[in-house]
Amino acid sequence: MSREEPHVLFSYGTLQERDVQLTTFGRVLEGRSDAIIGYEVDVLVITDPAVIETSGSDRHPVLRPSADPRAEVPGTAFSLTDAELLAADRYEVDDYERICVPLRSGQRAWVYAPKS
């Protein structure tokens, strides 16, 4: 029997919300506080009706690189299965892409950032 390795996904926005987790993953995720260094948060207006219905808002946070090297974006690091990571990809709108970033804890994690 093979065992899949968990993926670390860092959320600084709506994926931290209980209702979004239940709708997206079918369970409430366990996570730990962490932060991304060198970024700040801006706002992206979402037009996807399914995402607006799930999150309850058309305004979602989005990462932007910061000129301040001390800038950081707090959030939560979650462990996800392969299937859950794909579910997170489906939840995020086309304006985002999944990238790998270092966290303050020293761990690396997937995070959704604006498409470049």
C-alpha atoms as a PDB file:
ATOM      1  CA  MET A   1       0.000   0.000   0.000  1.00  0.00           C
ATOM      2  CA  SER A   2       1.473   3.365  -0.999  1.00  0.00           C
ATOM      3  CA  ARG A   3       1.260   6.401   1.217  1.00  0.00           C
ATOM      4  CA  GLU A   4       1.145   9.841  -0.342  1.00  0.00           C
ATOM      5  CA  GLU A   5       3.262  12.574   1.177  1.00  0.00           C
ATOM      6  CA  PRO A   6       1.333  15.608   2.410  1.00  0.00           C
ATOM      7  CA  HIS A   7       1.645  18.928   0.625  1.00  0.00           C
ATOM      8  CA  VAL A   8       2.075  22.084   2.679  1.00  0.00           C
ATOM      9  CA  LEU A   9      -0.284  24.841   1.572  1.00  0.00           C
ATOM     10  CA  PHE A  10       0.016  28.302   3.093  1.00  0.00           C
ATOM     11  CA  SER A  11      -3.187  30.341   3.233  1.00  0.00           C
ATOM     12  CA  TYR A  12      -3.360  34.056   3.940  1.00  0.00           C
ATOM     13  CA  GLY A  13      -7.000  34.371   2.900  1.00  0.00           C
ATOM     14  CA  THR A  14     -10.295  32.568   2.515  1.00  0.00           C
ATOM     15  CA  LEU A  15      -8.920  29.008   2.680  1.00  0.00           C
ATOM     16  CA  GLN A  16      -8.445  29.661   6.405  1.00  0.00           C
ATOM     17  CA  GLU A  17     -12.240  29.929   6.814  1.00  0.00           C
ATOM     18  CA  ARG A  18     -14.118  26.917   8.200  1.00  0.00           C
ATOM     19  CA  ASP A  19     -17.007  27.081   5.699  1.00  0.00           C
ATOM     20  CA  VAL A  20     -14.628  27.401   2.743  1.00  0.00           C
ATOM     21  CA  GLN A  21     -12.660  24.375   3.992  1.00  0.00           C
ATOM     22  CA  LEU A  22     -15.796  22.275   4.412  1.00  0.00           C
ATOM     23  CA  THR A  23     -17.027  23.168   0.928  1.00  0.00           C
ATOM     24  CA  THR A  24     -13.614  22.761  -0.734  1.00  0.00           C
ATOM     25  CA  PHE A  25     -12.149  19.772   1.146  1.00  0.00           C
ATOM     26  CA  GLY A  26     -15.090  18.162   2.933  1.00  0.00           C
ATOM     27  CA  ARG A  27     -13.373  18.646   6.282  1.00  0.00           C
ATOM     28  CA  VAL A  28     -11.939  21.304   8.572  1.00  0.00           C
ATOM     29  CA  LEU A  29      -8.167  21.473   8.151  1.00  0.00           C
ATOM     30  CA  GLU A  30      -5.653  21.509  10.966  1.00  0.00           C
ATOM     31  CA  GLY A  31      -2.918  24.081  10.532  1.00  0.00           C
ATOM     32  CA  ARG A  32      -0.267  26.126  12.276  1.00  0.00           C
ATOM     33  CA  SER A  33       0.488  29.824  12.212  1.00  0.00           C
ATOM     34  CA  ASP A  34       3.344  30.947   9.983  1.00  0.00           C
ATOM     35  CA  ALA A  35       4.168  33.829   7.622  1.00  0.00           C
ATOM     36  CA  ILE A  36       5.619  34.600   4.202  1.00  0.00           C
ATOM     37  CA  ILE A  37       8.515  37.062   4.341  1.00  0.00           C
ATOM     38  CA  GLY A  38       9.018  39.861   1.803  1.00  0.00           C
ATOM     39  CA  TYR A  39       5.397  40.167   0.691  1.00  0.00           C
ATOM     40  CA  GLU A  40       2.376  42.281   1.540  1.00  0.00           C
ATOM     41  CA  VAL A  41      -1.337  41.816   0.914  1.00  0.00           C
ATOM     42  CA  ASP A  42      -3.427  43.665  -1.635  1.00  0.00           C
ATOM     43  CA  VAL A  43      -7.046  43.023  -2.724  1.00  0.00           C
ATOM     44  CA  LEU A  44      -8.278  41.299  -5.875  1.00  0.00           C
ATOM     45  CA  VAL A  45     -11.908  41.635  -6.994  1.00  0.00           C
ATOM     46  CA  ILE A  46     -13.264  38.177  -7.877  1.00  0.00           C
ATOM     47  CA  THR A  47     -15.957  37.685 -10.537  1.00  0.00           C
ATOM     48  CA  ASP A  48     -16.395  33.876 -10.347  1.00  0.00           C
ATOM     49  CA  PRO A  49     -19.895  33.358  -8.859  1.00  0.00           C
ATOM     50  CA  ALA A  50     -19.031  29.955  -7.332  1.00  0.00           C
ATOM     51  CA  VAL A  51     -16.033  31.377  -5.463  1.00  0.00           C
ATOM     52  CA  ILE A  52     -18.047  34.397  -4.294  1.00  0.00           C
ATOM     53  CA  GLU A  53     -20.805  32.082  -3.032  1.00  0.00           C
ATOM     54  CA  THR A  54     -18.337  29.810  -1.205  1.00  0.00           C
ATOM     55  CA  SER A  55     -16.316  32.613   0.398  1.00  0.00           C
ATOM     56  CA  GLY A  56     -19.145  35.129   0.833  1.00  0.00           C
ATOM     57  CA  SER A  57     -17.082  37.928  -0.714  1.00  0.00           C
ATOM     58  CA  ASP A  58     -15.985  39.253  -4.095  1.00  0.00           C
ATOM     59  CA  ARG A  59     -12.832  40.715  -2.544  1.00  0.00           C
ATOM     60  CA  HIS A  60      -9.988  38.302  -1.871  1.00  0.00           C
ATOM     61  CA  PRO A  61      -6.485  39.001  -0.593  1.00  0.00           C
ATOM     62  CA  VAL A  62      -3.611  38.695  -3.046  1.00  0.00           C
ATOM     63  CA  LEU A  63       0.159  38.631  -2.439  1.00  0.00           C
ATOM     64  CA  ARG A  64       2.393  41.366  -3.789  1.00  0.00           C
ATOM     65  CA  PRO A  65       6.187  41.461  -3.400  1.00  0.00           C
ATOM     66  CA  SER A  66       7.220  44.183  -0.975  1.00  0.00           C
ATOM     67  CA  ALA A  67      10.137  46.592  -1.168  1.00  0.00           C
ATOM     68  CA  ASP A  68      10.418  46.207   2.618  1.00  0.00           C
ATOM     69  CA  PRO A  69      12.476  43.055   3.364  1.00  0.00           C
ATOM     70  CA  ARG A  70      10.887  42.945   6.839  1.00  0.00           C
ATOM     71  CA  ALA A  71       7.367  42.789   5.409  1.00  0.00           C
ATOM     72  CA  GLU A  72       5.488  39.606   6.132  1.00  0.00           C
ATOM     73  CA  VAL A  73       2.068  38.141   5.515  1.00  0.00           C
ATOM     74  CA  PRO A  74       0.684  36.089   8.398  1.00  0.00           C
ATOM     75  CA  GLY A  75      -1.445  33.044   7.738  1.00  0.00           C
ATOM     76  CA  THR A  76      -1.753  29.327   8.275  1.00  0.00           C
ATOM     77  CA  ALA A  77       0.214  26.356   6.916  1.00  0.00           C
ATOM     78  CA  PHE A  78      -1.957  23.295   6.246  1.00  0.00           C
ATOM     79  CA  SER A  79      -1.050  19.716   5.296  1.00  0.00           C
ATOM     80  CA  LEU A  80      -3.061  18.521   2.298  1.00  0.00           C
ATOM     81  CA  THR A  81      -3.318  15.297   0.335  1.00  0.00           C
ATOM     82  CA  ASP A  82      -2.800  15.231  -3.447  1.00  0.00           C
ATOM     83  CA  ALA A  83      -6.582  15.304  -3.965  1.00  0.00           C
ATOM     84  CA  GLU A  84      -7.019  18.226  -1.553  1.00  0.00           C
ATOM     85  CA  LEU A  85      -4.298  20.240  -3.278  1.00  0.00           C
ATOM     86  CA  LEU A  86      -6.118  19.728  -6.575  1.00  0.00           C
ATOM     87  CA  ALA A  87      -9.373  20.799  -4.873  1.00  0.00           C
ATOM     88  CA  ALA A  88      -7.624  23.991  -3.715  1.00  0.00           C
ATOM     89  CA  ASP A  89      -6.466  24.587  -7.306  1.00  0.00           C
ATOM     90  CA  ARG A  90     -10.087  24.304  -8.485  1.00  0.00           C
ATOM     91  CA  TYR A  91     -11.271  26.713  -5.760  1.00  0.00           C
ATOM     92  CA  GLU A  92      -8.781  29.431  -6.695  1.00  0.00           C
ATOM     93  CA  VAL A  93      -9.748  31.543  -9.699  1.00  0.00           C
ATOM     94  CA  ASP A  94      -7.741  31.929 -12.904  1.00  0.00           C
ATOM     95  CA  ASP A  95      -6.188  35.169 -11.611  1.00  0.00           C
ATOM     96  CA  TYR A  96      -4.047  33.108  -9.200  1.00  0.00           C
ATOM     97  CA  GLU A  97      -1.284  30.578  -9.724  1.00  0.00           C
ATOM     98  CA  ARG A  98       0.224  28.174  -7.209  1.00  0.00           C
ATOM     99  CA  ILE A  99       3.891  28.892  -6.421  1.00  0.00           C
ATOM    100  CA  CYS A 100       6.320  27.508  -3.844  1.00  0.00           C
ATOM    101  CA  VAL A 101       7.652  29.968  -1.261  1.00  0.00           C
ATOM    102  CA  PRO A 102       9.771  29.858   1.904  1.00  0.00           C
ATOM    103  CA  LEU A 103       7.998  30.471   5.195  1.00  0.00           C
ATOM    104  CA  ARG A 104       9.299  32.176   8.322  1.00  0.00           C
ATOM    105  CA  SER A 105       9.471  28.726   9.967  1.00  0.00           C
ATOM    106  CA  GLY A 106      12.033  27.628   7.345  1.00  0.00           C
ATOM    107  CA  GLN A 107       9.566  25.271   5.674  1.00  0.00           C
ATOM    108  CA  ARG A 108       8.590  25.639   2.011  1.00  0.00           C
ATOM    109  CA  ALA A 109       4.922  25.740   1.054  1.00  0.00           C
ATOM    110  CA  TRP A 110       2.579  26.170  -1.865  1.00  0.00           C
ATOM    111  CA  VAL A 111       0.726  29.482  -1.935  1.00  0.00           C
ATOM    112  CA  TYR A 112      -1.615  31.188  -4.381  1.00  0.00           C
ATOM    113  CA  ALA A 113      -0.254  34.415  -5.854  1.00  0.00           C
ATOM    114  CA  PRO A 114      -1.303  36.596  -8.794  1.00  0.00           C
ATOM    115  CA  LYS A 115      -0.417  35.201 -12.185  1.00  0.00           C
ATOM    116  CA  SER A 116       2.713  36.826 -13.592  1.00  0.00           C
END
